[in-house]
C-alpha atoms as a PDB file:
ATOM      1  CA  THR A   1      36.026 -18.510  32.016  1.00  0.00           C
ATOM      2  CA  LEU A   2      35.925 -14.830  31.439  1.00  0.00           C
ATOM      3  CA  ALA A   3      32.157 -14.916  31.186  1.00  0.00           C
ATOM      4  CA  LEU A   4      31.853 -15.905  34.704  1.00  0.00           C
ATOM      5  CA  LEU A   5      34.130 -13.054  35.873  1.00  0.00           C
ATOM      6  CA  SER A   6      32.265 -10.965  33.652  1.00  0.00           C
ATOM      7  CA  ALA A   7      29.045 -12.002  35.225  1.00  0.00           C
ATOM      8  CA  VAL A   8      30.738 -11.845  38.932  1.00  0.00           C
ATOM      9  CA  SER A   9      31.968  -8.420  38.158  1.00  0.00           C
ATOM     10  CA  SER A  10      28.357  -7.042  37.196  1.00  0.00           C
ATOM     11  CA  LEU A  11      27.016  -8.196  40.354  1.00  0.00           C
ATOM     12  CA  ALA A  12      28.960  -6.494  42.706  1.00  0.00           C
ATOM     13  CA  ARG A  13      28.962  -3.516  40.125  1.00  0.00           C
ATOM     14  CA  ASN A  14      25.316  -3.721  40.555  1.00  0.00           C
ATOM     15  CA  VAL A  15      25.531  -4.118  44.464  1.00  0.00           C
ATOM     16  CA  VAL A  16      27.787  -1.065  44.683  1.00  0.00           C
ATOM     17  CA  MET A  17      25.274   1.252  42.010  1.00  0.00           C
ATOM     18  CA  LYS A  18      22.257   0.086  44.437  1.00  0.00           C
ATOM     19  CA  ASP A  19      24.249   1.041  47.757  1.00  0.00           C
ATOM     20  CA  LEU A  20      25.430   4.655  46.025  1.00  0.00           C
ATOM     21  CA  GLY A  21      21.887   5.435  44.569  1.00  0.00           C
ATOM     22  CA  HIS A  22      20.684   5.703  48.036  1.00  0.00           C
ATOM     23  CA  LYS A  23      23.864   8.250  49.072  1.00  0.00           C
ATOM     24  CA  LEU A  24      24.272   9.775  46.105  1.00  0.00           C
ATOM     25  CA  ASP A  25      22.665  10.785  43.276  1.00  0.00           C
ATOM     26  CA  GLU A  26      21.814   8.635  40.612  1.00  0.00           C
ATOM     27  CA  TYR A  27      23.498  11.106  37.725  1.00  0.00           C
ATOM     28  CA  VAL A  28      26.436  11.048  40.274  1.00  0.00           C
ATOM     29  CA  ASN A  29      26.757   7.449  40.544  1.00  0.00           C
ATOM     30  CA  VAL A  30      26.737   6.737  36.716  1.00  0.00           C
ATOM     31  CA  LEU A  31      29.294   9.286  35.967  1.00  0.00           C
ATOM     32  CA  GLY A  32      31.716   8.023  39.195  1.00  0.00           C
ATOM     33  CA  ARG A  33      30.869   4.427  37.256  1.00  0.00           C
ATOM     34  CA  PHE A  34      32.034   6.139  33.853  1.00  0.00           C
ATOM     35  CA  ILE A  35      35.253   7.773  35.510  1.00  0.00           C
ATOM     36  CA  PHE A  36      36.036   5.220  37.500  1.00  0.00           C
ATOM     37  CA  ILE A  37      36.689   2.443  34.480  1.00  0.00           C
ATOM     38  CA  LEU A  38      38.485   5.144  32.066  1.00  0.00           C
ATOM     39  CA  PRO A  39      41.818   5.189  33.601  1.00  0.00           C
ATOM     40  CA  PHE A  40      41.891   0.746  33.433  1.00  0.00           C
ATOM     41  CA  ALA A  41      40.618   1.446  29.876  1.00  0.00           C
ATOM     42  CA  PHE A  42      43.157   3.887  29.024  1.00  0.00           C
ATOM     43  CA  ALA A  43      45.926   1.862  30.347  1.00  0.00           C
ATOM     44  CA  ALA A  44      45.031  -1.479  28.328  1.00  0.00           C
ATOM     45  CA  THR A  45      44.826   0.372  25.581  1.00  0.00           C
ATOM     46  CA  LEU A  46      47.878   1.781  25.496  1.00  0.00           C
ATOM     47  CA  TYR A  47      49.281  -1.651  26.610  1.00  0.00           C
ATOM     48  CA  HIS A  48      47.973  -3.060  23.678  1.00  0.00           C
ATOM     49  CA  GLY A  49      48.259   0.518  21.567  1.00  0.00           C
ATOM     50  CA  ILE A  50      46.119   2.535  19.864  1.00  0.00           C
ATOM     51  CA  PRO A  51      44.590   0.757  16.400  1.00  0.00           C
ATOM     52  CA  GLU A  52      44.052   2.307  12.999  1.00  0.00           C
ATOM     53  CA  VAL A  53      39.898   3.197  13.040  1.00  0.00           C
ATOM     54  CA  SER A  54      37.357   4.075  10.361  1.00  0.00           C
ATOM     55  CA  ALA A  55      35.149   6.855  10.721  1.00  0.00           C
ATOM     56  CA  ILE A  56      32.195   3.937  10.865  1.00  0.00           C
ATOM     57  CA  TYR A  57      34.559   2.858  14.314  1.00  0.00           C
ATOM     58  CA  TRP A  58      33.506   6.421  15.191  1.00  0.00           C
ATOM     59  CA  ILE A  59      29.810   6.564  14.501  1.00  0.00           C
ATOM     60  CA  TYR A  60      29.615   2.891  16.434  1.00  0.00           C
ATOM     61  CA  SER A  61      31.425   3.751  18.966  1.00  0.00           C
ATOM     62  CA  ALA A  62      29.516   6.985  19.772  1.00  0.00           C
ATOM     63  CA  LEU A  63      26.120   5.120  19.262  1.00  0.00           C
ATOM     64  CA  GLY A  64      27.536   2.199  21.846  1.00  0.00           C
ATOM     65  CA  GLY A  65      28.389   4.826  24.139  1.00  0.00           C
ATOM     66  CA  LEU A  66      25.358   6.834  24.258  1.00  0.00           C
ATOM     67  CA  LEU A  67      23.422   3.299  24.515  1.00  0.00           C
ATOM     68  CA  VAL A  68      25.334   2.282  27.517  1.00  0.00           C
ATOM     69  CA  ALA A  69      25.094   5.422  29.374  1.00  0.00           C
ATOM     70  CA  ILE A  70      21.393   5.743  28.930  1.00  0.00           C
ATOM     71  CA  SER A  71      20.666   2.184  29.734  1.00  0.00           C
ATOM     72  CA  THR A  72      23.281   2.849  32.772  1.00  0.00           C
ATOM     73  CA  MET A  73      21.089   5.889  34.044  1.00  0.00           C
ATOM     74  CA  PHE A  74      18.118   3.472  34.069  1.00  0.00           C
ATOM     75  CA  LEU A  75      19.484   0.923  35.822  1.00  0.00           C
ATOM     76  CA  SER A  76      20.611   3.152  38.163  1.00  0.00           C
ATOM     77  CA  LYS A  77      17.378   4.361  38.478  1.00  0.00           C
ATOM     78  CA  ALA A  78      15.861   1.121  38.820  1.00  0.00           C
ATOM     79  CA  LEU A  79      18.489  -0.108  41.520  1.00  0.00           C
ATOM     80  CA  LYS A  80      17.663   3.042  43.328  1.00  0.00           C
ATOM     81  CA  TYR A  81      13.429   2.719  43.556  1.00  0.00           C
ATOM     82  CA  SER A  82      13.239  -1.152  43.689  1.00  0.00           C
ATOM     83  CA  GLN A  83      14.571  -4.236  44.941  1.00  0.00           C
ATOM     84  CA  ILE A  84      17.904  -5.249  43.742  1.00  0.00           C
ATOM     85  CA  SER A  85      16.373  -8.660  43.045  1.00  0.00           C
ATOM     86  CA  LEU A  86      13.297  -8.066  41.194  1.00  0.00           C
ATOM     87  CA  THR A  87      15.624  -5.801  39.209  1.00  0.00           C
ATOM     88  CA  VAL A  88      17.996  -7.888  37.894  1.00  0.00           C
ATOM     89  CA  ALA A  89      15.586 -10.228  37.097  1.00  0.00           C
ATOM     90  CA  LEU A  90      14.172  -7.715  35.104  1.00  0.00           C
ATOM     91  CA  TRP A  91      17.178  -6.606  33.628  1.00  0.00           C
ATOM     92  CA  LYS A  92      18.239  -9.791  32.207  1.00  0.00           C
ATOM     93  CA  LEU A  93      15.983  -9.737  29.649  1.00  0.00           C
ATOM     94  CA  ASN A  94      19.044  -7.746  27.952  1.00  0.00           C
ATOM     95  CA  ILE A  95      20.254 -11.384  27.207  1.00  0.00           C
ATOM     96  CA  ILE A  96      17.218 -11.923  25.451  1.00  0.00           C
ATOM     97  CA  PHE A  97      16.848  -8.814  23.683  1.00  0.00           C
ATOM     98  CA  ALA A  98      20.715  -8.927  22.696  1.00  0.00           C
ATOM     99  CA  LEU A  99      19.722 -12.224  21.349  1.00  0.00           C
ATOM    100  CA  LEU A 100      16.991 -11.406  18.861  1.00  0.00           C
ATOM    101  CA  LEU A 101      19.417  -8.536  17.983  1.00  0.00           C
ATOM    102  CA  GLU A 102      21.929 -10.699  17.048  1.00  0.00           C
ATOM    103  CA  ILE A 103      19.647 -13.079  14.885  1.00  0.00           C
ATOM    104  CA  PHE A 104      17.930  -9.984  13.060  1.00  0.00           C
ATOM    105  CA  TRP A 105      20.320  -7.471  13.052  1.00  0.00           C
ATOM    106  CA  LEU A 106      23.816  -9.056  12.917  1.00  0.00           C
ATOM    107  CA  GLY A 107      21.997 -12.002  11.059  1.00  0.00           C
ATOM    108  CA  ALA A 108      23.903 -14.242  13.318  1.00  0.00           C
ATOM    109  CA  ASP A 109      22.835 -18.192  12.371  1.00  0.00           C
ATOM    110  CA  ILE A 110      22.510 -19.413  16.042  1.00  0.00           C
ATOM    111  CA  ALA A 111      22.117 -23.012  16.733  1.00  0.00           C
ATOM    112  CA  PRO A 112      18.921 -24.190  18.552  1.00  0.00           C
ATOM    113  CA  LEU A 113      20.772 -25.775  20.985  1.00  0.00           C
ATOM    114  CA  GLY A 114      22.732 -22.459  22.040  1.00  0.00           C
ATOM    115  CA  ILE A 115      19.033 -20.605  21.827  1.00  0.00           C
ATOM    116  CA  ALA A 116      17.731 -22.965  24.257  1.00  0.00           C
ATOM    117  CA  GLY A 117      21.124 -22.488  26.477  1.00  0.00           C
ATOM    118  CA  VAL A 118      20.304 -18.843  26.647  1.00  0.00           C
ATOM    119  CA  LEU A 119      16.620 -19.260  27.745  1.00  0.00           C
ATOM    120  CA  VAL A 120      17.992 -21.339  30.223  1.00  0.00           C
ATOM    121  CA  THR A 121      20.190 -19.235  31.877  1.00  0.00           C
ATOM    122  CA  VAL A 122      17.689 -16.579  31.916  1.00  0.00           C
ATOM    123  CA  ALA A 123      14.877 -18.540  33.483  1.00  0.00           C
ATOM    124  CA  GLY A 124      17.431 -19.963  36.144  1.00  0.00           C
ATOM    125  CA  MET A 125      18.883 -16.222  36.500  1.00  0.00           C
ATOM    126  CA  TYR A 126      14.692 -14.834  36.684  1.00  0.00           C
ATOM    127  CA  LEU A 127      13.657 -18.239  39.177  1.00  0.00           C
ATOM    128  CA  LEU A 128      16.743 -17.367  41.579  1.00  0.00           C
ATOM    129  CA  ASN A 129      16.015 -13.690  42.462  1.00  0.00           C
ATOM    130  CA  ILE A 130      12.347 -14.124  42.627  1.00  0.00           C
ATOM    131  CA  SER A 131      12.664 -16.834  45.077  1.00  0.00           C
ATOM    132  CA  LYS A 132      15.442 -14.717  46.924  1.00  0.00           C
ATOM    133  CA  ALA A 133      12.818 -12.274  46.974  1.00  0.00           C
ATOM    134  CA  HIS A 134      10.024 -14.413  48.258  1.00  0.00           C
ATOM    135  CA  VAL A 135       7.579 -12.862  45.495  1.00  0.00           C
ATOM    136  CA  SER A 136       5.684 -14.853  43.385  1.00  0.00           C
ATOM    137  CA  ILE A 137       6.508 -15.609  39.749  1.00  0.00           C
ATOM    138  CA  TRP A 138       4.505 -12.795  37.849  1.00  0.00           C
ATOM    139  CA  GLN A 139       5.610 -10.379  40.523  1.00  0.00           C
ATOM    140  CA  PRO A 140       8.124  -8.773  38.368  1.00  0.00           C
ATOM    141  CA  PHE A 141       5.761  -8.513  35.280  1.00  0.00           C
ATOM    142  CA  THR A 142       2.692  -6.705  37.584  1.00  0.00           C
ATOM    143  CA  LEU A 143       4.953  -4.665  38.920  1.00  0.00           C
ATOM    144  CA  LEU A 144       5.596  -2.824  35.711  1.00  0.00           C
ATOM    145  CA  PHE A 145       2.116  -1.360  35.932  1.00  0.00           C
ATOM    146  CA  GLU A 146       2.910  -0.184  39.505  1.00  0.00           C
ATOM    147  CA  ASP A 147       6.297   0.166  40.281  1.00  0.00           C
ATOM    148  CA  ARG A 148       8.599   2.407  38.095  1.00  0.00           C
ATOM    149  CA  GLY A 149      11.700   0.993  39.193  1.00  0.00           C
ATOM    150  CA  MET A 150      10.967  -2.238  37.672  1.00  0.00           C
ATOM    151  CA  ARG A 151       9.816  -0.127  34.343  1.00  0.00           C
ATOM    152  CA  TYR A 152      13.548   1.601  34.474  1.00  0.00           C
ATOM    153  CA  ALA A 153      14.633  -2.261  34.860  1.00  0.00           C
ATOM    154  CA  VAL A 154      13.053  -2.823  31.426  1.00  0.00           C
ATOM    155  CA  LEU A 155      14.186   0.104  29.922  1.00  0.00           C
ATOM    156  CA  SER A 156      18.160  -0.302  30.408  1.00  0.00           C
ATOM    157  CA  ALA A 157      17.856  -3.800  29.293  1.00  0.00           C
ATOM    158  CA  LEU A 158      16.110  -2.394  26.270  1.00  0.00           C
ATOM    159  CA  PHE A 159      18.926   0.241  25.470  1.00  0.00           C
ATOM    160  CA  LEU A 160      21.866  -2.111  26.707  1.00  0.00           C
ATOM    161  CA  ALA A 161      21.018  -4.642  23.888  1.00  0.00           C
ATOM    162  CA  PRO A 162      21.363  -2.747  21.197  1.00  0.00           C
ATOM    163  CA  SER A 163      25.173  -1.114  22.809  1.00  0.00           C
ATOM    164  CA  PHE A 164      26.182  -4.730  23.289  1.00  0.00           C
ATOM    165  CA  MET A 165      25.990  -4.769  19.177  1.00  0.00           C
ATOM    166  CA  PHE A 166      27.704  -1.756  18.720  1.00  0.00           C
ATOM    167  CA  PHE A 167      30.412  -3.258  20.622  1.00  0.00           C
ATOM    168  CA  LYS A 168      31.006  -6.127  19.067  1.00  0.00           C
ATOM    169  CA  LEU A 169      31.099  -4.506  15.766  1.00  0.00           C
ATOM    170  CA  GLU A 170      33.726  -2.506  17.240  1.00  0.00           C
ATOM    171  CA  VAL A 171      35.862  -5.348  18.740  1.00  0.00           C
ATOM    172  CA  ASP A 172      35.638  -6.951  15.298  1.00  0.00           C
ATOM    173  CA  MET A 173      37.108  -4.054  13.354  1.00  0.00           C
ATOM    174  CA  THR A 174      40.117  -3.451  16.350  1.00  0.00           C
ATOM    175  CA  ASP A 175      40.440  -5.480  19.805  1.00  0.00           C
ATOM    176  CA  PRO A 176      38.382  -5.593  22.556  1.00  0.00           C
ATOM    177  CA  TYR A 177      40.534  -2.764  24.985  1.00  0.00           C
ATOM    178  CA  PHE A 178      40.057  -0.080  22.559  1.00  0.00           C
ATOM    179  CA  PRO A 179      36.287   0.029  22.175  1.00  0.00           C
ATOM    180  CA  ALA A 180      36.112  -0.006  26.250  1.00  0.00           C
ATOM    181  CA  PHE A 181      37.588   3.019  26.597  1.00  0.00           C
ATOM    182  CA  THR A 182      35.967   4.976  23.792  1.00  0.00           C
ATOM    183  CA  ASN A 183      32.525   3.796  24.426  1.00  0.00           C
ATOM    184  CA  TYR A 184      33.367   5.057  28.246  1.00  0.00           C
END
């Protein structure tokens, strides 16, 4: 249920970012997103209590926050320069990158059925977005050489995946609320 709510919220956020990307400077767009979430993350942190953290937590938080900020900037640029359906299709590569990092960096033992599930999900999202855009299945990849928005989408995915890993490490040390506040 939480994953579904997260996906719907992410879609709504990307639509708003696409719209604002044409009305505002993309840097202001990203800054607004981060500032908007702070009061909610702060309220959740206060409600659940500020945990004791170690120095490594702050390193993870700084790295995770920096990576998510860079990723969001690239996403904002991708949404500004390209169709949202093509941008989201390539941006979903972050799931594959995150899975690979989880296996090779965190040493997670992912069941083959779990890997298959991720691949089916990404393929479904890709095909759904491609069919909505009424383009060929290979167009997003060929556009990587022609369209800077597509390149920004892939860069966003590359920077987002390791930010997930740092966030996971932070949550394992504390709770889900404090890392959301400190990373943003």
